[in-house]
Amino acid sequence: MREAARAIAAFAHGQSAADLERDDLLRSAIYYQFVIIGEALSKLQQRDQATAEALSEYKRIIGFRNQIIHGYAMLDHETTWRIVEAKIPTLIRELDELLAR
C-alpha cells in the first residue's frame, strides 16, 4: 500500500487535474495504484481489522477501489485529483507510522 501511495504521489508531482483528465497514461497509472491500495486494504481488513482501522479512510479507500473496478459510476477525475492532493499524503504518513511500529 505504501509503495502504491508513493507511486501516486510521484506520478501526480507537477501534474494537475486537467492532466489527469487528458493523459490516458497518467490516469491509468494513478487508478491502477488506487486499485492496488484498495485490494491490499481489503485483504488486511479481513485478516486484521484493528490494523486496517488504524488508517483513517480505510472504508472509503476500499469503496473507491470497488468503484474503479466495478464501474458503479463514472469516475470523476476532479474528485480523484482532490483525493490525490488531500488524502494521499495522509495515507502515506499513516502507513509510515503503522510500519514503524
PDB file of N, CA and C in Angstrom:
ATOM      1  N   MET A   1       0.815  -1.189   0.000  1.00  0.00           N
ATOM      2  CA  MET A   1       0.000   0.000   0.000  1.00  0.00           C
ATOM      3  C   MET A   1       0.863   1.258   0.000  1.00  0.00           C
ATOM      4  N   ARG A   2       1.891   1.229   0.832  1.00  0.00           N
ATOM      5  CA  ARG A   2       2.731   2.423   0.923  1.00  0.00           C
ATOM      6  C   ARG A   2       3.420   2.700  -0.408  1.00  0.00           C
ATOM      7  N   GLU A   3       3.940   1.673  -1.044  1.00  0.00           N
ATOM      8  CA  GLU A   3       4.620   1.881  -2.337  1.00  0.00           C
ATOM      9  C   GLU A   3       3.638   2.375  -3.394  1.00  0.00           C
ATOM     10  N   ALA A   4       2.425   1.868  -3.385  1.00  0.00           N
ATOM     11  CA  ALA A   4       1.413   2.321  -4.345  1.00  0.00           C
ATOM     12  C   ALA A   4       1.034   3.777  -4.073  1.00  0.00           C
ATOM     13  N   ALA A   5       0.887   4.137  -2.801  1.00  0.00           N
ATOM     14  CA  ALA A   5       0.566   5.522  -2.448  1.00  0.00           C
ATOM     15  C   ALA A   5       1.707   6.454  -2.852  1.00  0.00           C
ATOM     16  N   ARG A   6       2.929   6.025  -2.610  1.00  0.00           N
ATOM     17  CA  ARG A   6       4.080   6.832  -3.025  1.00  0.00           C
ATOM     18  C   ARG A   6       4.142   6.964  -4.547  1.00  0.00           C
ATOM     19  N   ALA A   7       3.776   5.901  -5.254  1.00  0.00           N
ATOM     20  CA  ALA A   7       3.757   5.963  -6.720  1.00  0.00           C
ATOM     21  C   ALA A   7       2.735   6.997  -7.188  1.00  0.00           C
ATOM     22  N   ILE A   8       1.563   7.006  -6.566  1.00  0.00           N
ATOM     23  CA  ILE A   8       0.554   8.005  -6.937  1.00  0.00           C
ATOM     24  C   ILE A   8       1.124   9.409  -6.733  1.00  0.00           C
ATOM     25  N   ALA A   9       1.753   9.632  -5.588  1.00  0.00           N
ATOM     26  CA  ALA A   9       2.343  10.953  -5.313  1.00  0.00           C
ATOM     27  C   ALA A   9       3.393  11.313  -6.360  1.00  0.00           C
ATOM     28  N   ALA A  10       4.209  10.353  -6.731  1.00  0.00           N
ATOM     29  CA  ALA A  10       5.254  10.604  -7.736  1.00  0.00           C
ATOM     30  C   ALA A  10       4.636  10.888  -9.104  1.00  0.00           C
ATOM     31  N   PHE A  11       3.644  10.097  -9.491  1.00  0.00           N
ATOM     32  CA  PHE A  11       3.000  10.307 -10.793  1.00  0.00           C
ATOM     33  C   PHE A  11       2.325  11.676 -10.855  1.00  0.00           C
ATOM     34  N   ALA A  12       1.760  12.111  -9.735  1.00  0.00           N
ATOM     35  CA  ALA A  12       0.996  13.356  -9.697  1.00  0.00           C
ATOM     36  C   ALA A  12       1.880  14.601  -9.597  1.00  0.00           C
ATOM     37  N   HIS A  13       3.117  14.413  -9.159  1.00  0.00           N
ATOM     38  CA  HIS A  13       4.012  15.556  -8.968  1.00  0.00           C
ATOM     39  C   HIS A  13       4.142  16.370 -10.260  1.00  0.00           C
ATOM     40  N   GLY A  14       3.854  17.649 -10.139  1.00  0.00           N
ATOM     41  CA  GLY A  14       3.964  18.538 -11.291  1.00  0.00           C
ATOM     42  C   GLY A  14       2.803  18.436 -12.262  1.00  0.00           C
ATOM     43  N   GLN A  15       1.812  17.642 -11.933  1.00  0.00           N
ATOM     44  CA  GLN A  15       0.655  17.457 -12.801  1.00  0.00           C
ATOM     45  C   GLN A  15      -0.545  18.205 -12.217  1.00  0.00           C
ATOM     46  N   SER A  16      -1.658  18.162 -12.932  1.00  0.00           N
ATOM     47  CA  SER A  16      -2.880  18.830 -12.490  1.00  0.00           C
ATOM     48  C   SER A  16      -4.082  17.944 -12.780  1.00  0.00           C
ATOM     49  N   ALA A  17      -5.230  18.369 -12.309  1.00  0.00           N
ATOM     50  CA  ALA A  17      -6.464  17.639 -12.595  1.00  0.00           C
ATOM     51  C   ALA A  17      -6.710  17.587 -14.104  1.00  0.00           C
ATOM     52  N   ALA A  18      -6.378  18.665 -14.786  1.00  0.00           N
ATOM     53  CA  ALA A  18      -6.546  18.683 -16.245  1.00  0.00           C
ATOM     54  C   ALA A  18      -5.647  17.645 -16.904  1.00  0.00           C
ATOM     55  N   ASP A  19      -4.445  17.474 -16.388  1.00  0.00           N
ATOM     56  CA  ASP A  19      -3.540  16.454 -16.919  1.00  0.00           C
ATOM     57  C   ASP A  19      -4.132  15.066 -16.708  1.00  0.00           C
ATOM     58  N   LEU A  20      -4.708  14.843 -15.539  1.00  0.00           N
ATOM     59  CA  LEU A  20      -5.321  13.547 -15.259  1.00  0.00           C
ATOM     60  C   LEU A  20      -6.424  13.251 -16.260  1.00  0.00           C
ATOM     61  N   GLU A  21      -7.201  14.252 -16.580  1.00  0.00           N
ATOM     62  CA  GLU A  21      -8.317  14.050 -17.499  1.00  0.00           C
ATOM     63  C   GLU A  21      -7.858  13.779 -18.931  1.00  0.00           C
ATOM     64  N   ARG A  22      -6.791  14.433 -19.359  1.00  0.00           N
ATOM     65  CA  ARG A  22      -6.413  14.299 -20.766  1.00  0.00           C
ATOM     66  C   ARG A  22      -5.316  13.266 -21.040  1.00  0.00           C
ATOM     67  N   ASP A  23      -4.608  12.830 -20.004  1.00  0.00           N
ATOM     68  CA  ASP A  23      -3.474  11.928 -20.192  1.00  0.00           C
ATOM     69  C   ASP A  23      -3.860  10.499 -19.799  1.00  0.00           C
ATOM     70  N   ASP A  24      -4.090   9.669 -20.800  1.00  0.00           N
ATOM     71  CA  ASP A  24      -4.509   8.280 -20.551  1.00  0.00           C
ATOM     72  C   ASP A  24      -3.490   7.512 -19.716  1.00  0.00           C
ATOM     73  N   LEU A  25      -2.218   7.733 -19.971  1.00  0.00           N
ATOM     74  CA  LEU A  25      -1.172   7.020 -19.239  1.00  0.00           C
ATOM     75  C   LEU A  25      -1.172   7.423 -17.761  1.00  0.00           C
ATOM     76  N   LEU A  26      -1.236   8.707 -17.489  1.00  0.00           N
ATOM     77  CA  LEU A  26      -1.279   9.184 -16.108  1.00  0.00           C
ATOM     78  C   LEU A  26      -2.516   8.653 -15.401  1.00  0.00           C
ATOM     79  N   ARG A  27      -3.647   8.743 -16.048  1.00  0.00           N
ATOM     80  CA  ARG A  27      -4.899   8.275 -15.473  1.00  0.00           C
ATOM     81  C   ARG A  27      -4.837   6.782 -15.179  1.00  0.00           C
ATOM     82  N   SER A  28      -4.357   6.008 -16.119  1.00  0.00           N
ATOM     83  CA  SER A  28      -4.239   4.563 -15.916  1.00  0.00           C
ATOM     84  C   SER A  28      -3.304   4.239 -14.761  1.00  0.00           C
ATOM     85  N   ALA A  29      -2.193   4.922 -14.704  1.00  0.00           N
ATOM     86  CA  ALA A  29      -1.213   4.671 -13.648  1.00  0.00           C
ATOM     87  C   ALA A  29      -1.789   4.982 -12.273  1.00  0.00           C
ATOM     88  N   ILE A  30      -2.422   6.122 -12.139  1.00  0.00           N
ATOM     89  CA  ILE A  30      -2.963   6.527 -10.839  1.00  0.00           C
ATOM     90  C   ILE A  30      -4.106   5.625 -10.414  1.00  0.00           C
ATOM     91  N   TYR A  31      -5.030   5.353 -11.303  1.00  0.00           N
ATOM     92  CA  TYR A  31      -6.162   4.491 -10.923  1.00  0.00           C
ATOM     93  C   TYR A  31      -5.692   3.073 -10.602  1.00  0.00           C
ATOM     94  N   TYR A  32      -4.710   2.572 -11.321  1.00  0.00           N
ATOM     95  CA  TYR A  32      -4.198   1.231 -11.027  1.00  0.00           C
ATOM     96  C   TYR A  32      -3.606   1.174  -9.619  1.00  0.00           C
ATOM     97  N   GLN A  33      -2.880   2.194  -9.238  1.00  0.00           N
ATOM     98  CA  GLN A  33      -2.298   2.216  -7.891  1.00  0.00           C
ATOM     99  C   GLN A  33      -3.389   2.310  -6.828  1.00  0.00           C
ATOM    100  N   PHE A  34      -4.464   3.040  -7.107  1.00  0.00           N
ATOM    101  CA  PHE A  34      -5.593   3.065  -6.174  1.00  0.00           C
ATOM    102  C   PHE A  34      -6.207   1.673  -6.029  1.00  0.00           C
ATOM    103  N   VAL A  35      -6.279   0.929  -7.114  1.00  0.00           N
ATOM    104  CA  VAL A  35      -6.801  -0.444  -7.053  1.00  0.00           C
ATOM    105  C   VAL A  35      -5.901  -1.308  -6.163  1.00  0.00           C
ATOM    106  N   ILE A  36      -4.603  -1.184  -6.336  1.00  0.00           N
ATOM    107  CA  ILE A  36      -3.665  -1.949  -5.505  1.00  0.00           C
ATOM    108  C   ILE A  36      -3.863  -1.614  -4.026  1.00  0.00           C
ATOM    109  N   ILE A  37      -3.966  -0.341  -3.712  1.00  0.00           N
ATOM    110  CA  ILE A  37      -4.159   0.073  -2.324  1.00  0.00           C
ATOM    111  C   ILE A  37      -5.461  -0.499  -1.775  1.00  0.00           C
ATOM    112  N   GLY A  38      -6.527  -0.345  -2.513  1.00  0.00           N
ATOM    113  CA  GLY A  38      -7.832  -0.822  -2.048  1.00  0.00           C
ATOM    114  C   GLY A  38      -7.885  -2.323  -1.886  1.00  0.00           C
ATOM    115  N   GLU A  39      -7.280  -3.048  -2.796  1.00  0.00           N
ATOM    116  CA  GLU A  39      -7.262  -4.514  -2.705  1.00  0.00           C
ATOM    117  C   GLU A  39      -6.437  -4.965  -1.504  1.00  0.00           C
ATOM    118  N   ALA A  40      -5.280  -4.366  -1.319  1.00  0.00           N
ATOM    119  CA  ALA A  40      -4.443  -4.725  -0.176  1.00  0.00           C
ATOM    120  C   ALA A  40      -5.148  -4.404   1.135  1.00  0.00           C
ATOM    121  N   LEU A  41      -5.808  -3.287   1.183  1.00  0.00           N
ATOM    122  CA  LEU A  41      -6.506  -2.888   2.398  1.00  0.00           C
ATOM    123  C   LEU A  41      -7.707  -3.788   2.675  1.00  0.00           C
ATOM    124  N   SER A  42      -8.379  -4.222   1.635  1.00  0.00           N
ATOM    125  CA  SER A  42      -9.487  -5.167   1.794  1.00  0.00           C
ATOM    126  C   SER A  42      -8.989  -6.479   2.397  1.00  0.00           C
ATOM    127  N   LYS A  43      -7.869  -6.958   1.907  1.00  0.00           N
ATOM    128  CA  LYS A  43      -7.287  -8.195   2.449  1.00  0.00           C
ATOM    129  C   LYS A  43      -6.817  -7.991   3.887  1.00  0.00           C
ATOM    130  N   LEU A  44      -6.229  -6.833   4.169  1.00  0.00           N
ATOM    131  CA  LEU A  44      -5.795  -6.532   5.532  1.00  0.00           C
ATOM    132  C   LEU A  44      -6.997  -6.500   6.474  1.00  0.00           C
ATOM    133  N   GLN A  45      -8.079  -5.895   6.038  1.00  0.00           N
ATOM    134  CA  GLN A  45      -9.287  -5.813   6.857  1.00  0.00           C
ATOM    135  C   GLN A  45      -9.798  -7.205   7.219  1.00  0.00           C
ATOM    136  N   GLN A  46      -9.731  -8.124   6.279  1.00  0.00           N
ATOM    137  CA  GLN A  46     -10.179  -9.497   6.533  1.00  0.00           C
ATOM    138  C   GLN A  46      -9.283 -10.205   7.534  1.00  0.00           C
ATOM    139  N   ARG A  47      -8.005  -9.906   7.509  1.00  0.00           N
ATOM    140  CA  ARG A  47      -7.039 -10.600   8.368  1.00  0.00           C
ATOM    141  C   ARG A  47      -6.801  -9.913   9.705  1.00  0.00           C
ATOM    142  N   ASP A  48      -6.866  -8.568   9.695  1.00  0.00           N
ATOM    143  CA  ASP A  48      -6.524  -7.818  10.903  1.00  0.00           C
ATOM    144  C   ASP A  48      -7.306  -6.511  10.915  1.00  0.00           C
ATOM    145  N   GLN A  49      -8.535  -6.579  11.368  1.00  0.00           N
ATOM    146  CA  GLN A  49      -9.441  -5.430  11.370  1.00  0.00           C
ATOM    147  C   GLN A  49      -8.845  -4.241  12.126  1.00  0.00           C
ATOM    148  N   ALA A  50      -8.234  -4.501  13.261  1.00  0.00           N
ATOM    149  CA  ALA A  50      -7.689  -3.413  14.082  1.00  0.00           C
ATOM    150  C   ALA A  50      -6.604  -2.638  13.337  1.00  0.00           C
ATOM    151  N   THR A  51      -5.762  -3.332  12.616  1.00  0.00           N
ATOM    152  CA  THR A  51      -4.713  -2.649  11.859  1.00  0.00           C
ATOM    153  C   THR A  51      -5.320  -1.847  10.709  1.00  0.00           C
ATOM    154  N   ALA A  52      -6.298  -2.411  10.026  1.00  0.00           N
ATOM    155  CA  ALA A  52      -6.973  -1.675   8.950  1.00  0.00           C
ATOM    156  C   ALA A  52      -7.601  -0.394   9.496  1.00  0.00           C
ATOM    157  N   GLU A  53      -8.187  -0.483  10.682  1.00  0.00           N
ATOM    158  CA  GLU A  53      -8.832   0.677  11.295  1.00  0.00           C
ATOM    159  C   GLU A  53      -7.841   1.763  11.705  1.00  0.00           C
ATOM    160  N   ALA A  54      -6.558   1.445  11.745  1.00  0.00           N
ATOM    161  CA  ALA A  54      -5.538   2.452  12.047  1.00  0.00           C
ATOM    162  C   ALA A  54      -5.398   3.455  10.904  1.00  0.00           C
ATOM    163  N   LEU A  55      -5.934   3.114   9.743  1.00  0.00           N
ATOM    164  CA  LEU A  55      -5.902   4.014   8.583  1.00  0.00           C
ATOM    165  C   LEU A  55      -7.237   4.754   8.533  1.00  0.00           C
ATOM    166  N   SER A  56      -7.179   6.062   8.638  1.00  0.00           N
ATOM    167  CA  SER A  56      -8.372   6.874   8.846  1.00  0.00           C
ATOM    168  C   SER A  56      -9.444   6.733   7.766  1.00  0.00           C
ATOM    169  N   GLU A  57      -9.088   6.452   6.569  1.00  0.00           N
ATOM    170  CA  GLU A  57     -10.056   6.401   5.470  1.00  0.00           C
ATOM    171  C   GLU A  57     -10.221   4.980   4.904  1.00  0.00           C
ATOM    172  N   TYR A  58      -9.958   3.967   5.699  1.00  0.00           N
ATOM    173  CA  TYR A  58      -9.871   2.626   5.134  1.00  0.00           C
ATOM    174  C   TYR A  58     -11.148   2.177   4.436  1.00  0.00           C
ATOM    175  N   LYS A  59     -12.310   2.473   4.975  1.00  0.00           N
ATOM    176  CA  LYS A  59     -13.560   2.053   4.329  1.00  0.00           C
ATOM    177  C   LYS A  59     -13.771   2.783   3.005  1.00  0.00           C
ATOM    178  N   ARG A  60     -13.440   4.056   2.980  1.00  0.00           N
ATOM    179  CA  ARG A  60     -13.605   4.833   1.753  1.00  0.00           C
ATOM    180  C   ARG A  60     -12.612   4.393   0.686  1.00  0.00           C
ATOM    181  N   ILE A  61     -11.406   4.012   1.110  1.00  0.00           N
ATOM    182  CA  ILE A  61     -10.395   3.539   0.164  1.00  0.00           C
ATOM    183  C   ILE A  61     -10.875   2.259  -0.509  1.00  0.00           C
ATOM    184  N   ILE A  62     -11.391   1.334   0.277  1.00  0.00           N
ATOM    185  CA  ILE A  62     -11.919   0.088  -0.274  1.00  0.00           C
ATOM    186  C   ILE A  62     -13.090   0.385  -1.207  1.00  0.00           C
ATOM    187  N   GLY A  63     -13.957   1.292  -0.806  1.00  0.00           N
ATOM    188  CA  GLY A  63     -15.089   1.668  -1.658  1.00  0.00           C
ATOM    189  C   GLY A  63     -14.655   2.290  -2.969  1.00  0.00           C
ATOM    190  N   PHE A  64     -13.599   3.100  -2.932  1.00  0.00           N
ATOM    191  CA  PHE A  64     -13.099   3.722  -4.156  1.00  0.00           C
ATOM    192  C   PHE A  64     -12.528   2.667  -5.087  1.00  0.00           C
ATOM    193  N   ARG A  65     -11.826   1.705  -4.524  1.00  0.00           N
ATOM    194  CA  ARG A  65     -11.307   0.587  -5.333  1.00  0.00           C
ATOM    195  C   ARG A  65     -12.461  -0.132  -6.025  1.00  0.00           C
ATOM    196  N   ASN A  66     -13.531  -0.375  -5.285  1.00  0.00           N
ATOM    197  CA  ASN A  66     -14.692  -1.061  -5.858  1.00  0.00           C
ATOM    198  C   ASN A  66     -15.322  -0.245  -6.972  1.00  0.00           C
ATOM    199  N   GLN A  67     -15.377   1.067  -6.777  1.00  0.00           N
ATOM    200  CA  GLN A  67     -15.938   1.928  -7.809  1.00  0.00           C
ATOM    201  C   GLN A  67     -15.084   1.870  -9.083  1.00  0.00           C
ATOM    202  N   ILE A  68     -13.780   1.895  -8.930  1.00  0.00           N
ATOM    203  CA  ILE A  68     -12.894   1.829 -10.089  1.00  0.00           C
ATOM    204  C   ILE A  68     -13.080   0.496 -10.821  1.00  0.00           C
ATOM    205  N   ILE A  69     -13.060  -0.604 -10.072  1.00  0.00           N
ATOM    206  CA  ILE A  69     -13.114  -1.935 -10.672  1.00  0.00           C
ATOM    207  C   ILE A  69     -14.478  -2.255 -11.275  1.00  0.00           C
ATOM    208  N   HIS A  70     -15.520  -1.965 -10.542  1.00  0.00           N
ATOM    209  CA  HIS A  70     -16.853  -2.398 -10.947  1.00  0.00           C
ATOM    210  C   HIS A  70     -17.655  -1.345 -11.690  1.00  0.00           C
ATOM    211  N   GLY A  71     -17.098  -0.148 -11.767  1.00  0.00           N
ATOM    212  CA  GLY A  71     -17.755   0.899 -12.533  1.00  0.00           C
ATOM    213  C   GLY A  71     -19.127   1.277 -12.024  1.00  0.00           C
ATOM    214  N   TYR A  72     -19.266   1.359 -10.702  1.00  0.00           N
ATOM    215  CA  TYR A  72     -20.578   1.703 -10.157  1.00  0.00           C
ATOM    216  C   TYR A  72     -21.056   3.056 -10.665  1.00  0.00           C
ATOM    217  N   ALA A  73     -20.156   3.904 -11.014  1.00  0.00           N
ATOM    218  CA  ALA A  73     -20.495   5.216 -11.570  1.00  0.00           C
ATOM    219  C   ALA A  73     -19.295   5.694 -12.378  1.00  0.00           C
ATOM    220  N   MET A  74     -19.551   6.663 -13.198  1.00  0.00           N
ATOM    221  CA  MET A  74     -18.440   7.252 -13.935  1.00  0.00           C
ATOM    222  C   MET A  74     -17.475   7.868 -12.923  1.00  0.00           C
ATOM    223  N   LEU A  75     -16.212   7.672 -13.140  1.00  0.00           N
ATOM    224  CA  LEU A  75     -15.218   8.269 -12.250  1.00  0.00           C
ATOM    225  C   LEU A  75     -15.098   9.756 -12.553  1.00  0.00           C
ATOM    226  N   ASP A  76     -15.094  10.548 -11.519  1.00  0.00           N
ATOM    227  CA  ASP A  76     -14.957  11.984 -11.643  1.00  0.00           C
ATOM    228  C   ASP A  76     -13.489  12.328 -11.401  1.00  0.00           C
ATOM    229  N   HIS A  77     -12.809  12.742 -12.442  1.00  0.00           N
ATOM    230  CA  HIS A  77     -11.373  12.987 -12.338  1.00  0.00           C
ATOM    231  C   HIS A  77     -11.052  14.172 -11.423  1.00  0.00           C
ATOM    232  N   GLU A  78     -11.938  15.136 -11.326  1.00  0.00           N
ATOM    233  CA  GLU A  78     -11.723  16.251 -10.395  1.00  0.00           C
ATOM    234  C   GLU A  78     -11.725  15.746  -8.956  1.00  0.00           C
ATOM    235  N   THR A  79     -12.675  14.870  -8.643  1.00  0.00           N
ATOM    236  CA  THR A  79     -12.738  14.291  -7.302  1.00  0.00           C
ATOM    237  C   THR A  79     -11.508  13.440  -7.038  1.00  0.00           C
ATOM    238  N   THR A  80     -11.118  12.661  -8.022  1.00  0.00           N
ATOM    239  CA  THR A  80      -9.919  11.835  -7.874  1.00  0.00           C
ATOM    240  C   THR A  80      -8.712  12.712  -7.600  1.00  0.00           C
ATOM    241  N   TRP A  81      -8.596  13.812  -8.306  1.00  0.00           N
ATOM    242  CA  TRP A  81      -7.445  14.692  -8.107  1.00  0.00           C
ATOM    243  C   TRP A  81      -7.446  15.289  -6.707  1.00  0.00           C
ATOM    244  N   ARG A  82      -8.627  15.635  -6.195  1.00  0.00           N
ATOM    245  CA  ARG A  82      -8.707  16.144  -4.818  1.00  0.00           C
ATOM    246  C   ARG A  82      -8.253  15.074  -3.830  1.00  0.00           C
ATOM    247  N   ILE A  83      -8.599  13.818  -4.102  1.00  0.00           N
ATOM    248  CA  ILE A  83      -8.148  12.710  -3.252  1.00  0.00           C
ATOM    249  C   ILE A  83      -6.623  12.608  -3.314  1.00  0.00           C
ATOM    250  N   VAL A  84      -6.085  12.692  -4.508  1.00  0.00           N
ATOM    251  CA  VAL A  84      -4.626  12.615  -4.681  1.00  0.00           C
ATOM    252  C   VAL A  84      -3.946  13.717  -3.870  1.00  0.00           C
ATOM    253  N   GLU A  85      -4.449  14.917  -3.966  1.00  0.00           N
ATOM    254  CA  GLU A  85      -3.808  16.052  -3.289  1.00  0.00           C
ATOM    255  C   GLU A  85      -4.028  16.050  -1.774  1.00  0.00           C
ATOM    256  N   ALA A  86      -5.228  15.707  -1.331  1.00  0.00           N
ATOM    257  CA  ALA A  86      -5.571  15.861   0.082  1.00  0.00           C
ATOM    258  C   ALA A  86      -5.399  14.593   0.903  1.00  0.00           C
ATOM    259  N   LYS A  87      -5.609  13.441   0.292  1.00  0.00           N
ATOM    260  CA  LYS A  87      -5.659  12.204   1.072  1.00  0.00           C
ATOM    261  C   LYS A  87      -4.417  11.332   0.940  1.00  0.00           C
ATOM    262  N   ILE A  88      -3.761  11.356  -0.198  1.00  0.00           N
ATOM    263  CA  ILE A  88      -2.582  10.501  -0.382  1.00  0.00           C
ATOM    264  C   ILE A  88      -1.461  10.874   0.586  1.00  0.00           C
ATOM    265  N   PRO A  89      -1.162  12.162   0.815  1.00  0.00           N
ATOM    266  CA  PRO A  89      -0.114  12.466   1.809  1.00  0.00           C
ATOM    267  C   PRO A  89      -0.457  11.925   3.203  1.00  0.00           C
ATOM    268  N   THR A  90      -1.720  12.009   3.589  1.00  0.00           N
ATOM    269  CA  THR A  90      -2.148  11.481   4.884  1.00  0.00           C
ATOM    270  C   THR A  90      -1.997   9.969   4.924  1.00  0.00           C
ATOM    271  N   LEU A  91      -2.396   9.301   3.856  1.00  0.00           N
ATOM    272  CA  LEU A  91      -2.273   7.841   3.798  1.00  0.00           C
ATOM    273  C   LEU A  91      -0.808   7.424   3.907  1.00  0.00           C
ATOM    274  N   ILE A  92       0.052   8.105   3.200  1.00  0.00           N
ATOM    275  CA  ILE A  92       1.487   7.782   3.265  1.00  0.00           C
ATOM    276  C   ILE A  92       2.000   7.958   4.697  1.00  0.00           C
ATOM    277  N   ARG A  93       1.642   9.055   5.326  1.00  0.00           N
ATOM    278  CA  ARG A  93       2.066   9.300   6.705  1.00  0.00           C
ATOM    279  C   ARG A  93       1.550   8.216   7.636  1.00  0.00           C
ATOM    280  N   GLU A  94       0.283   7.866   7.520  1.00  0.00           N
ATOM    281  CA  GLU A  94      -0.293   6.832   8.379  1.00  0.00           C
ATOM    282  C   GLU A  94       0.368   5.474   8.147  1.00  0.00           C
ATOM    283  N   LEU A  95       0.643   5.154   6.900  1.00  0.00           N
ATOM    284  CA  LEU A  95       1.308   3.884   6.604  1.00  0.00           C
ATOM    285  C   LEU A  95       2.736   3.876   7.143  1.00  0.00           C
ATOM    286  N   ASP A  96       3.430   4.995   7.006  1.00  0.00           N
ATOM    287  CA  ASP A  96       4.782   5.091   7.575  1.00  0.00           C
ATOM    288  C   ASP A  96       4.751   4.848   9.078  1.00  0.00           C
ATOM    289  N   GLU A  97       3.795   5.479   9.753  1.00  0.00           N
ATOM    290  CA  GLU A  97       3.675   5.313  11.202  1.00  0.00           C
ATOM    291  C   GLU A  97       3.327   3.873  11.564  1.00  0.00           C
ATOM    292  N   LEU A  98       2.423   3.285  10.823  1.00  0.00           N
ATOM    293  CA  LEU A  98       1.998   1.912  11.079  1.00  0.00           C
ATOM    294  C   LEU A  98       3.145   0.928  10.874  1.00  0.00           C
ATOM    295  N   LEU A  99       3.907   1.132   9.827  1.00  0.00           N
ATOM    296  CA  LEU A  99       5.013   0.222   9.530  1.00  0.00           C
ATOM    297  C   LEU A  99       6.214   0.438  10.438  1.00  0.00           C
ATOM    298  N   ALA A 100       6.271   1.579  11.101  1.00  0.00           N
ATOM    299  CA  ALA A 100       7.386   1.857  12.025  1.00  0.00           C
ATOM    300  C   ALA A 100       7.182   1.207  13.393  1.00  0.00           C
ATOM    301  N   ARG A 101       5.981   0.734  13.638  1.00  0.00           N
ATOM    302  CA  ARG A 101       5.688   0.109  14.947  1.00  0.00           C
ATOM    303  C   ARG A 101       6.468  -1.146  15.160  1.00  0.00           C
TER     304      ARG A 101
END
